[in-house]
C-alpha atoms as a PDB file:
ATOM      1  CA  MET A   1     -23.255  -4.309  28.297  1.00  0.00           C
ATOM      2  CA  LEU A   2     -21.763  -3.487  31.660  1.00  0.00           C
ATOM      3  CA  SER A   3     -17.934  -3.644  32.523  1.00  0.00           C
ATOM      4  CA  LYS A   4     -16.723  -4.538  36.275  1.00  0.00           C
ATOM      5  CA  ILE A   5     -12.982  -4.256  37.513  1.00  0.00           C
ATOM      6  CA  PHE A   6     -11.868  -6.492  40.757  1.00  0.00           C
ATOM      7  CA  SER A   7      -8.547  -6.473  42.585  1.00  0.00           C
ATOM      8  CA  LYS A   8      -6.158  -8.013  40.442  1.00  0.00           C
ATOM      9  CA  VAL A   9      -8.681  -9.139  37.891  1.00  0.00           C
ATOM     10  CA  PHE A  10      -9.881  -7.324  35.121  1.00  0.00           C
ATOM     11  CA  MET A  11     -13.495  -8.763  33.794  1.00  0.00           C
ATOM     12  CA  PHE A  12     -16.301  -7.225  31.862  1.00  0.00           C
ATOM     13  CA  ASP A  13     -19.397  -8.836  30.117  1.00  0.00           C
ATOM     14  CA  LEU A  14     -19.557  -8.353  26.266  1.00  0.00           C
ATOM     15  CA  ASN A  15     -22.627  -9.486  24.834  1.00  0.00           C
ATOM     16  CA  GLY A  16     -23.789 -11.680  27.376  1.00  0.00           C
ATOM     17  CA  ARG A  17     -20.661 -13.341  28.232  1.00  0.00           C
ATOM     18  CA  ARG A  18     -18.516 -13.155  31.487  1.00  0.00           C
ATOM     19  CA  HIS A  19     -14.714 -12.253  30.464  1.00  0.00           C
ATOM     20  CA  GLU A  20     -11.791 -12.370  33.257  1.00  0.00           C
ATOM     21  CA  PHE A  21      -7.652 -11.425  32.288  1.00  0.00           C
ATOM     22  CA  ARG A  22      -4.908 -11.419  35.201  1.00  0.00           C
ATOM     23  CA  SER A  23      -2.703  -9.291  32.878  1.00  0.00           C
ATOM     24  CA  PRO A  24      -2.340  -7.523  30.366  1.00  0.00           C
ATOM     25  CA  ALA A  25      -0.707 -10.359  28.225  1.00  0.00           C
ATOM     26  CA  ASP A  26      -3.675 -12.869  28.903  1.00  0.00           C
ATOM     27  CA  LEU A  27      -6.179 -10.432  26.746  1.00  0.00           C
ATOM     28  CA  GLU A  28      -3.576  -9.639  23.977  1.00  0.00           C
ATOM     29  CA  PHE A  29      -3.454 -13.374  23.709  1.00  0.00           C
ATOM     30  CA  ALA A  30      -7.506 -13.513  23.347  1.00  0.00           C
ATOM     31  CA  LEU A  31      -7.437 -10.663  21.373  1.00  0.00           C
ATOM     32  CA  ASP A  32      -5.112 -12.810  18.962  1.00  0.00           C
ATOM     33  CA  GLY A  33      -7.930 -14.521  17.272  1.00  0.00           C
ATOM     34  CA  ARG A  34      -9.571 -11.465  16.361  1.00  0.00           C
ATOM     35  CA  SER A  35      -6.524  -9.448  14.480  1.00  0.00           C
ATOM     36  CA  SER A  36      -7.620 -11.005  10.749  1.00  0.00           C
ATOM     37  CA  PRO A  37     -11.139 -10.052   9.074  1.00  0.00           C
ATOM     38  CA  SER A  38     -13.714 -12.795   9.555  1.00  0.00           C
ATOM     39  CA  VAL A  39     -14.686 -15.192   6.582  1.00  0.00           C
ATOM     40  CA  ALA A  40     -17.856 -12.955   6.632  1.00  0.00           C
ATOM     41  CA  LYS A  41     -16.379  -9.816   6.453  1.00  0.00           C
ATOM     42  CA  SER A  42     -13.604 -11.274   3.562  1.00  0.00           C
ATOM     43  CA  LYS A  43     -16.469 -12.551   1.666  1.00  0.00           C
ATOM     44  CA  ALA A  44     -18.214  -9.042   1.829  1.00  0.00           C
ATOM     45  CA  MET A  45     -15.096  -6.931   0.597  1.00  0.00           C
ATOM     46  CA  VAL A  46     -14.110  -9.483  -2.238  1.00  0.00           C
ATOM     47  CA  GLN A  47     -17.987  -8.152  -3.509  1.00  0.00           C
ATOM     48  CA  LEU A  48     -16.963  -4.816  -3.030  1.00  0.00           C
ATOM     49  CA  SER A  49     -16.446  -2.539  -6.330  1.00  0.00           C
ATOM     50  CA  GLU A  50     -13.237  -0.822  -6.889  1.00  0.00           C
ATOM     51  CA  GLU A  51     -14.544   2.028  -6.006  1.00  0.00           C
ATOM     52  CA  ASP A  52     -15.481   1.014  -2.572  1.00  0.00           C
ATOM     53  CA  LEU A  53     -12.513  -0.895  -2.070  1.00  0.00           C
ATOM     54  CA  VAL A  54     -10.555   2.259  -2.505  1.00  0.00           C
ATOM     55  CA  ARG A  55     -12.904   3.777   0.268  1.00  0.00           C
ATOM     56  CA  GLU A  56     -12.470   1.148   2.384  1.00  0.00           C
ATOM     57  CA  ILE A  57      -8.967   1.531   2.317  1.00  0.00           C
ATOM     58  CA  ASP A  58      -8.592   4.968   3.068  1.00  0.00           C
ATOM     59  CA  SER A  59     -10.622   4.663   5.922  1.00  0.00           C
ATOM     60  CA  TYR A  60      -8.430   1.792   7.334  1.00  0.00           C
ATOM     61  CA  LEU A  61      -5.344   4.324   6.574  1.00  0.00           C
ATOM     62  CA  GLU A  62      -7.037   7.370   8.666  1.00  0.00           C
ATOM     63  CA  MET A  63      -7.976   5.242  11.579  1.00  0.00           C
ATOM     64  CA  GLU A  64      -4.602   3.865  11.378  1.00  0.00           C
ATOM     65  CA  GLN A  65      -3.240   7.045  11.621  1.00  0.00           C
ATOM     66  CA  GLN A  66      -5.008   7.840  14.402  1.00  0.00           C
ATOM     67  CA  LEU A  67      -4.585   4.598  16.149  1.00  0.00           C
ATOM     68  CA  SER A  68      -0.929   5.164  15.895  1.00  0.00           C
ATOM     69  CA  PHE A  69      -0.451   8.551  16.857  1.00  0.00           C
ATOM     70  CA  ALA A  70      -2.392   8.004  19.933  1.00  0.00           C
ATOM     71  CA  LEU A  71      -0.345   4.799  21.114  1.00  0.00           C
ATOM     72  CA  LYS A  72       2.636   6.350  20.653  1.00  0.00           C
ATOM     73  CA  ALA A  73       1.685   9.301  22.722  1.00  0.00           C
ATOM     74  CA  GLY A  74       0.187   7.037  25.334  1.00  0.00           C
ATOM     75  CA  GLN A  75       3.867   5.584  25.362  1.00  0.00           C
ATOM     76  CA  THR A  76       5.236   8.905  27.192  1.00  0.00           C
ATOM     77  CA  GLY A  77       3.012   8.528  30.252  1.00  0.00           C
ATOM     78  CA  ASP A  78      -0.094  10.846  29.405  1.00  0.00           C
ATOM     79  CA  ASP A  79      -3.757   9.796  29.067  1.00  0.00           C
ATOM     80  CA  SER A  80      -4.003  10.049  25.427  1.00  0.00           C
ATOM     81  CA  VAL A  81      -5.009   6.291  25.100  1.00  0.00           C
ATOM     82  CA  GLU A  82      -7.540   6.490  27.711  1.00  0.00           C
ATOM     83  CA  ARG A  83      -9.363   9.804  25.959  1.00  0.00           C
ATOM     84  CA  LEU A  84      -8.827   8.405  22.596  1.00  0.00           C
ATOM     85  CA  LEU A  85     -11.486   5.632  23.945  1.00  0.00           C
ATOM     86  CA  ARG A  86     -13.519   8.408  25.860  1.00  0.00           C
ATOM     87  CA  ASP A  87     -14.245  10.220  22.208  1.00  0.00           C
ATOM     88  CA  LEU A  88     -13.795   7.205  19.892  1.00  0.00           C
ATOM     89  CA  ASP A  89     -16.639   7.411  17.383  1.00  0.00           C
ATOM     90  CA  LEU A  90     -17.714   3.882  17.628  1.00  0.00           C
ATOM     91  CA  SER A  91     -19.531   4.193  14.162  1.00  0.00           C
ATOM     92  CA  LEU A  92     -16.130   4.438  12.650  1.00  0.00           C
ATOM     93  CA  ILE A  93     -15.273   0.807  14.207  1.00  0.00           C
ATOM     94  CA  GLU A  94     -15.868  -2.450  12.947  1.00  0.00           C
ATOM     95  CA  GLU A  95     -18.534  -4.539  14.156  1.00  0.00           C
ATOM     96  CA  ASP A  96     -16.233  -7.692  12.861  1.00  0.00           C
ATOM     97  CA  ASN A  97     -15.051  -9.637  15.337  1.00  0.00           C
ATOM     98  CA  ASP A  98     -17.414  -7.600  17.634  1.00  0.00           C
ATOM     99  CA  TRP A  99     -14.673  -5.092  17.947  1.00  0.00           C
ATOM    100  CA  ARG A 100     -17.210  -2.073  18.250  1.00  0.00           C
ATOM    101  CA  ASP A 101     -18.772  -3.486  21.306  1.00  0.00           C
ATOM    102  CA  LEU A 102     -15.291  -4.516  22.858  1.00  0.00           C
ATOM    103  CA  LEU A 103     -13.919  -1.087  22.686  1.00  0.00           C
ATOM    104  CA  GLN A 104     -17.427   0.665  24.137  1.00  0.00           C
ATOM    105  CA  VAL A 105     -16.791  -1.658  26.876  1.00  0.00           C
ATOM    106  CA  LEU A 106     -13.108  -0.613  27.235  1.00  0.00           C
ATOM    107  CA  SER A 107     -14.138   2.847  27.207  1.00  0.00           C
ATOM    108  CA  ASN A 108     -16.082   2.445  30.152  1.00  0.00           C
ATOM    109  CA  VAL A 109     -13.787   0.956  32.782  1.00  0.00           C
ATOM    110  CA  ALA A 110     -12.279   2.825  35.557  1.00  0.00           C
ATOM    111  CA  ALA A 111      -9.231   5.030  35.332  1.00  0.00           C
ATOM    112  CA  GLY A 112      -5.858   2.691  35.889  1.00  0.00           C
ATOM    113  CA  PHE A 113      -6.195   0.320  33.317  1.00  0.00           C
ATOM    114  CA  ALA A 114      -4.865   1.963  30.596  1.00  0.00           C
ATOM    115  CA  ASN A 115      -2.581  -1.255  29.803  1.00  0.00           C
ATOM    116  CA  TYR A 116      -5.368  -3.080  28.919  1.00  0.00           C
ATOM    117  CA  GLN A 117      -6.974  -0.107  27.246  1.00  0.00           C
ATOM    118  CA  ARG A 118      -3.647   0.061  24.719  1.00  0.00           C
ATOM    119  CA  VAL A 119      -3.439  -3.569  24.538  1.00  0.00           C
ATOM    120  CA  ALA A 120      -6.956  -4.095  22.755  1.00  0.00           C
ATOM    121  CA  LEU A 121      -6.360  -0.557  20.857  1.00  0.00           C
ATOM    122  CA  GLU A 122      -3.011  -2.341  19.751  1.00  0.00           C
ATOM    123  CA  GLY A 123      -5.252  -5.416  18.572  1.00  0.00           C
ATOM    124  CA  TYR A 124      -7.227  -3.400  16.621  1.00  0.00           C
ATOM    125  CA  LEU A 125      -4.456  -1.695  14.934  1.00  0.00           C
ATOM    126  CA  LYS A 126      -3.076  -5.185  14.348  1.00  0.00           C
ATOM    127  CA  TYR A 127      -7.052  -5.733  12.438  1.00  0.00           C
ATOM    128  CA  VAL A 128      -6.679  -2.587  10.497  1.00  0.00           C
ATOM    129  CA  ALA A 129      -3.746  -3.349   9.298  1.00  0.00           C
ATOM    130  CA  ALA A 130      -4.771  -6.974   8.089  1.00  0.00           C
ATOM    131  CA  GLY A 131      -7.962  -5.593   6.589  1.00  0.00           C
ATOM    132  CA  GLN A 132      -6.321  -2.818   4.839  1.00  0.00           C
ATOM    133  CA  GLN A 133      -4.045  -5.652   3.499  1.00  0.00           C
ATOM    134  CA  LEU A 134      -6.571  -7.494   2.490  1.00  0.00           C
ATOM    135  CA  ALA A 135      -8.674  -4.887   0.647  1.00  0.00           C
ATOM    136  CA  GLU A 136      -5.601  -4.057  -1.532  1.00  0.00           C
ATOM    137  CA  ALA A 137      -4.805  -7.413  -2.344  1.00  0.00           C
ATOM    138  CA  ILE A 138      -8.294  -7.547  -3.708  1.00  0.00           C
ATOM    139  CA  LEU A 139      -7.818  -4.435  -5.274  1.00  0.00           C
ATOM    140  CA  PHE A 140      -4.421  -5.320  -6.778  1.00  0.00           C
ATOM    141  CA  GLY A 141      -5.601  -8.570  -8.294  1.00  0.00           C
ATOM    142  CA  ARG A 142      -8.556  -7.437  -9.688  1.00  0.00           C
ATOM    143  CA  ARG A 143      -6.780  -4.910 -11.431  1.00  0.00           C
ATOM    144  CA  ALA A 144      -3.803  -7.332 -12.763  1.00  0.00           C
ATOM    145  CA  GLU A 145      -6.363  -9.770 -14.107  1.00  0.00           C
ATOM    146  CA  ARG A 146      -8.102  -6.778 -16.234  1.00  0.00           C
ATOM    147  CA  ASP A 147      -4.432  -6.130 -17.566  1.00  0.00           C
ATOM    148  CA  VAL A 148      -3.977  -9.283 -18.097  1.00  0.00           C
ATOM    149  CA  ALA A 149      -7.222  -9.752 -20.127  1.00  0.00           C
ATOM    150  CA  ASP A 150      -6.283  -6.030 -22.011  1.00  0.00           C
ATOM    151  CA  ALA A 151      -3.037  -7.047 -23.232  1.00  0.00           C
ATOM    152  CA  ASP A 152      -4.772 -10.391 -24.068  1.00  0.00           C
ATOM    153  CA  ALA A 153      -7.095  -8.821 -26.218  1.00  0.00           C
ATOM    154  CA  ASP A 154      -5.120  -6.890 -27.844  1.00  0.00           C
ATOM    155  CA  LEU A 155      -2.690  -9.141 -29.124  1.00  0.00           C
ATOM    156  CA  ARG A 156      -5.796 -11.873 -30.603  1.00  0.00           C
ATOM    157  CA  SER A 157      -6.716  -8.336 -31.962  1.00  0.00           C
ATOM    158  CA  GLY A 158      -3.286  -7.715 -33.389  1.00  0.00           C
ATOM    159  CA  GLY A 159      -2.737  -4.616 -31.572  1.00  0.00           C
ATOM    160  CA  GLY A 160      -0.194  -5.792 -29.329  1.00  0.00           C
ATOM    161  CA  ASP A 161       3.314  -6.195 -30.523  1.00  0.00           C
ATOM    162  CA  VAL A 162       5.371  -9.581 -29.304  1.00  0.00           C
ATOM    163  CA  ARG A 163       8.679  -7.913 -29.923  1.00  0.00           C
ATOM    164  CA  ALA A 164       8.030  -5.480 -27.044  1.00  0.00           C
ATOM    165  CA  ARG A 165       6.735  -8.264 -24.440  1.00  0.00           C
ATOM    166  CA  GLN A 166      10.108 -10.036 -25.355  1.00  0.00           C
ATOM    167  CA  CYS A 167      11.926  -6.813 -24.824  1.00  0.00           C
ATOM    168  CA  LEU A 168      10.262  -6.511 -21.647  1.00  0.00           C
ATOM    169  CA  SER A 169      11.119  -9.877 -20.454  1.00  0.00           C
ATOM    170  CA  PHE A 170      15.013  -9.489 -21.551  1.00  0.00           C
ATOM    171  CA  SER A 171      15.452  -6.536 -20.204  1.00  0.00           C
ATOM    172  CA  LEU A 172      13.681  -7.458 -16.447  1.00  0.00           C
ATOM    173  CA  ALA A 173      15.845 -10.363 -16.028  1.00  0.00           C
ATOM    174  CA  GLU A 174      18.982  -8.486 -17.279  1.00  0.00           C
ATOM    175  CA  LEU A 175      18.151  -5.734 -14.917  1.00  0.00           C
ATOM    176  CA  LEU A 176      16.768  -8.559 -12.217  1.00  0.00           C
ATOM    177  CA  SER A 177      20.606 -10.089 -12.619  1.00  0.00           C
ATOM    178  CA  GLN A 178      22.555  -7.384 -12.002  1.00  0.00           C
ATOM    179  CA  ASP A 179      23.859  -5.269  -8.816  1.00  0.00           C
ATOM    180  CA  HIS A 180      21.737  -1.983  -9.113  1.00  0.00           C
ATOM    181  CA  ARG A 181      25.114  -0.350  -7.537  1.00  0.00           C
ATOM    182  CA  LYS A 182      26.855  -1.260 -10.173  1.00  0.00           C
ATOM    183  CA  ILE A 183      24.791   0.685 -12.980  1.00  0.00           C
ATOM    184  CA  GLU A 184      24.604   4.194 -13.482  1.00  0.00           C
ATOM    185  CA  PHE A 185      21.161   6.038 -12.467  1.00  0.00           C
ATOM    186  CA  ASN A 186      20.317   9.017 -12.345  1.00  0.00           C
ATOM    187  CA  ARG A 187      18.226  10.503  -9.510  1.00  0.00           C
ATOM    188  CA  LEU A 188      15.480  12.386 -11.707  1.00  0.00           C
ATOM    189  CA  PRO A 189      15.010  16.012 -10.071  1.00  0.00           C
ATOM    190  CA  GLU A 190      12.207  15.979  -7.261  1.00  0.00           C
ATOM    191  CA  LYS A 191       9.088  17.250  -8.612  1.00  0.00           C
ATOM    192  CA  GLU A 192      10.375  18.964 -11.929  1.00  0.00           C
ATOM    193  CA  SER A 193       9.260  17.219 -15.354  1.00  0.00           C
ATOM    194  CA  VAL A 194      11.895  15.030 -17.291  1.00  0.00           C
ATOM    195  CA  SER A 195      11.315  14.710 -21.276  1.00  0.00           C
ATOM    196  CA  VAL A 196      13.345  11.596 -22.101  1.00  0.00           C
ATOM    197  CA  GLY A 197      13.124   9.859 -25.637  1.00  0.00           C
ATOM    198  CA  LEU A 198      13.449   6.527 -26.684  1.00  0.00           C
ATOM    199  CA  ARG A 199      13.536   4.281 -29.846  1.00  0.00           C
ATOM    200  CA  PRO A 200      10.732   1.884 -30.563  1.00  0.00           C
ATOM    201  CA  HIS A 201      10.303  -0.561 -28.660  1.00  0.00           C
ATOM    202  CA  GLU A 202      13.371   0.397 -26.103  1.00  0.00           C
ATOM    203  CA  CYS A 203      13.183  -0.234 -22.459  1.00  0.00           C
ATOM    204  CA  LEU A 204      13.719   2.508 -19.609  1.00  0.00           C
ATOM    205  CA  MET A 205      15.269   0.528 -16.447  1.00  0.00           C
ATOM    206  CA  LEU A 206      13.849   2.557 -13.312  1.00  0.00           C
ATOM    207  CA  MET A 207      13.970   2.391  -9.820  1.00  0.00           C
ATOM    208  CA  LEU A 208      11.146   3.074  -7.385  1.00  0.00           C
ATOM    209  CA  GLY A 209      12.539   3.424  -4.266  1.00  0.00           C
ATOM    210  CA  LYS A 210      14.552   0.118  -4.065  1.00  0.00           C
ATOM    211  CA  TYR A 211      12.598  -1.756  -6.290  1.00  0.00           C
ATOM    212  CA  PRO A 212      13.051  -2.285  -9.891  1.00  0.00           C
ATOM    213  CA  PHE A 213      10.607  -1.933 -12.774  1.00  0.00           C
ATOM    214  CA  ILE A 214      10.994  -1.554 -16.603  1.00  0.00           C
ATOM    215  CA  LEU A 215       9.249   1.043 -18.544  1.00  0.00           C
ATOM    216  CA  VAL A 216       9.172   0.164 -22.681  1.00  0.00           C
ATOM    217  CA  SER A 217       8.291   2.980 -25.244  1.00  0.00           C
ATOM    218  CA  GLY A 218       5.467   1.982 -27.843  1.00  0.00           C
ATOM    219  CA  GLU A 219       1.680   2.669 -28.523  1.00  0.00           C
ATOM    220  CA  PRO A 220       0.490   2.241 -25.502  1.00  0.00           C
ATOM    221  CA  TRP A 221       3.814   2.004 -23.185  1.00  0.00           C
ATOM    222  CA  ARG A 222       3.624  -0.281 -20.402  1.00  0.00           C
ATOM    223  CA  LEU A 223       5.614  -0.954 -17.072  1.00  0.00           C
ATOM    224  CA  ILE A 224       6.588  -4.226 -15.490  1.00  0.00           C
ATOM    225  CA  ASP A 225       7.086  -4.004 -12.101  1.00  0.00           C
ATOM    226  CA  PRO A 226       9.793  -6.463 -10.314  1.00  0.00           C
ATOM    227  CA  SER A 227       7.034  -9.551 -10.148  1.00  0.00           C
ATOM    228  CA  GLY A 228       6.928  -9.622 -13.940  1.00  0.00           C
ATOM    229  CA  SER A 229       3.379  -8.088 -13.893  1.00  0.00           C
ATOM    230  CA  ASP A 230       2.473  -5.693 -17.130  1.00  0.00           C
ATOM    231  CA  SER A 231       0.862  -2.945 -16.868  1.00  0.00           C
ATOM    232  CA  ARG A 232      -0.669  -0.259 -19.246  1.00  0.00           C
ATOM    233  CA  VAL A 233       0.555   3.203 -19.441  1.00  0.00           C
ATOM    234  CA  SER A 234      -2.742   5.182 -19.897  1.00  0.00           C
ATOM    235  CA  PRO A 235      -2.164   7.909 -22.660  1.00  0.00           C
ATOM    236  CA  GLY A 236      -1.413  11.338 -21.249  1.00  0.00           C
ATOM    237  CA  ARG A 237      -1.284  11.755 -17.441  1.00  0.00           C
ATOM    238  CA  CYS A 238      -0.829   8.425 -15.627  1.00  0.00           C
ATOM    239  CA  SER A 239       0.150   8.377 -11.897  1.00  0.00           C
ATOM    240  CA  ILE A 240       2.233   5.431 -10.389  1.00  0.00           C
ATOM    241  CA  GLY A 241       2.038   4.730  -6.590  1.00  0.00           C
ATOM    242  CA  ARG A 242       0.889   2.427  -3.535  1.00  0.00           C
ATOM    243  CA  HIS A 243      -2.141   4.367  -3.168  1.00  0.00           C
ATOM    244  CA  PRO A 244      -5.086   2.397  -4.669  1.00  0.00           C
ATOM    245  CA  GLY A 245      -6.453   5.262  -6.278  1.00  0.00           C
ATOM    246  CA  ALA A 246      -3.144   5.451  -8.729  1.00  0.00           C
ATOM    247  CA  ASP A 247      -3.832   4.874 -12.374  1.00  0.00           C
ATOM    248  CA  ILE A 248      -1.027   1.911 -11.718  1.00  0.00           C
ATOM    249  CA  ASN A 249      -1.346   0.329  -8.482  1.00  0.00           C
ATOM    250  CA  VAL A 250       2.148  -1.105  -6.974  1.00  0.00           C
ATOM    251  CA  TYR A 251       1.758  -3.605  -4.897  1.00  0.00           C
ATOM    252  CA  ALA A 252       1.434  -2.528  -1.255  1.00  0.00           C
ATOM    253  CA  GLY A 253       4.367  -5.080  -0.161  1.00  0.00           C
ATOM    254  CA  TYR A 254       7.242  -2.842  -2.043  1.00  0.00           C
ATOM    255  CA  ARG A 255       7.067  -0.550   1.029  1.00  0.00           C
ATOM    256  CA  SER A 256      10.039   1.695  -0.203  1.00  0.00           C
ATOM    257  CA  VAL A 257       7.522   3.034  -3.258  1.00  0.00           C
ATOM    258  CA  SER A 258       5.290   5.989  -2.506  1.00  0.00           C
ATOM    259  CA  ARG A 259       2.007   5.672  -2.087  1.00  0.00           C
ATOM    260  CA  ARG A 260       2.107   8.763  -4.991  1.00  0.00           C
ATOM    261  CA  HIS A 261       5.248   7.960  -6.235  1.00  0.00           C
ATOM    262  CA  LEU A 262       5.617   8.552 -10.041  1.00  0.00           C
ATOM    263  CA  LEU A 263       3.561  10.900 -12.817  1.00  0.00           C
ATOM    264  CA  ILE A 264       4.216   9.433 -16.716  1.00  0.00           C
ATOM    265  CA  GLU A 265       3.084  11.645 -19.447  1.00  0.00           C
ATOM    266  CA  THR A 266       3.184   9.998 -22.300  1.00  0.00           C
ATOM    267  CA  GLU A 267       3.996  12.814 -25.620  1.00  0.00           C
ATOM    268  CA  SER A 268       4.564  10.263 -28.644  1.00  0.00           C
ATOM    269  CA  ASP A 269       5.411   6.304 -28.714  1.00  0.00           C
ATOM    270  CA  ARG A 270       8.515   7.559 -28.058  1.00  0.00           C
ATOM    271  CA  VAL A 271       8.537  10.459 -25.972  1.00  0.00           C
ATOM    272  CA  VAL A 272       7.755  10.545 -22.254  1.00  0.00           C
ATOM    273  CA  ARG A 273       7.727  13.011 -19.453  1.00  0.00           C
ATOM    274  CA  LEU A 274       8.486  11.686 -15.818  1.00  0.00           C
ATOM    275  CA  THR A 275       7.854  13.917 -12.503  1.00  0.00           C
ATOM    276  CA  ASP A 276       9.245  12.129  -9.374  1.00  0.00           C
ATOM    277  CA  LEU A 277       6.638  12.776  -6.680  1.00  0.00           C
ATOM    278  CA  SER A 278       8.039  10.398  -3.761  1.00  0.00           C
ATOM    279  CA  SER A 279      10.174  10.738  -0.828  1.00  0.00           C
ATOM    280  CA  LEU A 280      12.815   8.106  -1.047  1.00  0.00           C
ATOM    281  CA  GLY A 281      13.421   9.067  -4.909  1.00  0.00           C
ATOM    282  CA  THR A 282      13.059   7.977  -8.672  1.00  0.00           C
ATOM    283  CA  PHE A 283      15.959   6.606 -10.541  1.00  0.00           C
ATOM    284  CA  ALA A 284      16.556   5.939 -14.322  1.00  0.00           C
ATOM    285  CA  ALA A 285      19.447   4.018 -16.011  1.00  0.00           C
ATOM    286  CA  LEU A 286      18.973   6.939 -19.315  1.00  0.00           C
ATOM    287  CA  PRO A 287      19.906   6.016 -22.479  1.00  0.00           C
ATOM    288  CA  ASP A 288      22.895   8.417 -24.235  1.00  0.00           C
ATOM    289  CA  HIS A 289      20.220   8.970 -26.877  1.00  0.00           C
ATOM    290  CA  GLY A 290      16.902  11.012 -27.106  1.00  0.00           C
ATOM    291  CA  SER A 291      16.833  12.699 -23.718  1.00  0.00           C
ATOM    292  CA  SER A 292      17.057  15.859 -22.062  1.00  0.00           C
ATOM    293  CA  GLY A 293      17.027  17.896 -18.779  1.00  0.00           C
ATOM    294  CA  ASN A 294      18.910  18.221 -15.846  1.00  0.00           C
ATOM    295  CA  TYR A 295      19.505  15.114 -13.761  1.00  0.00           C
ATOM    296  CA  SER A 296      21.713  14.932 -10.277  1.00  0.00           C
ATOM    297  CA  VAL A 297      23.696  11.410 -10.300  1.00  0.00           C
ATOM    298  CA  SER A 298      23.179   9.716  -7.753  1.00  0.00           C
ATOM    299  CA  ALA A 299      22.823   5.845  -6.141  1.00  0.00           C
ATOM    300  CA  PRO A 300      19.727   4.272  -5.973  1.00  0.00           C
ATOM    301  CA  PRO A 301      18.959   2.837  -2.779  1.00  0.00           C
ATOM    302  CA  GLY A 302      19.974  -0.961  -1.686  1.00  0.00           C
ATOM    303  CA  GLY A 303      18.685  -3.451  -3.633  1.00  0.00           C
ATOM    304  CA  ALA A 304      15.534  -5.061  -3.495  1.00  0.00           C
END
């Protein structure tokens, strides 16, 4: 693969085919078709185990951070974009959609074409973001299916509690129908455990960032997200957040929920300890009974 630069026309050969562009905008338009994982890549991701999906997501996040930093620095006028391409470990670049070959070609162009290089990196950044979202969607969907199957198994075996589910559905609808700014929420202290006691099958209203959740007591405890999805809180320590390694993996689209947002520790079927690990805070509409701890009353973020 060789790249050639001509006056006014940016030209390079990629896998035996000549490509010509008269402006960075032309290159950006051409790369739009490569900004999402191919069908073959998507099928391969569906076949990955949960552990491999987590590793895939982490690798996408690492690349996203690296590229975002370089592109931001490149806007200040230094040569970080050209330097990044020269020093880029191509083994970390996806072969899908010929991205590895393309970036290898562009890493060898003469100086003065940083605008084209920047467009290519921005295009690959879009691909990385799309790949991350796809992997998270597959992982989230797989875990949601398992949670539903577990809940159905509980009901069939008699271990499920219809009353608890009715409580969840009613409380979620009630919460979503209210103006969050009019509910008296308490902001949990950052990185300090707070013990909360509830009555059997009682629901605790939570705001993770700006999104409403419901925590219901029982055996097991359950957490309901804004979409109504029901997740079992594992006994002992249970982490909540957007990170795929969290025990309850929150939908990636809930952007104000931190990757590691909340730690729930069940002490019994009625007592739970909550520890806020987030940057934007966890807010709880605490019951008037059975709770202890020091709370700083604060309004939650704007409604979802």
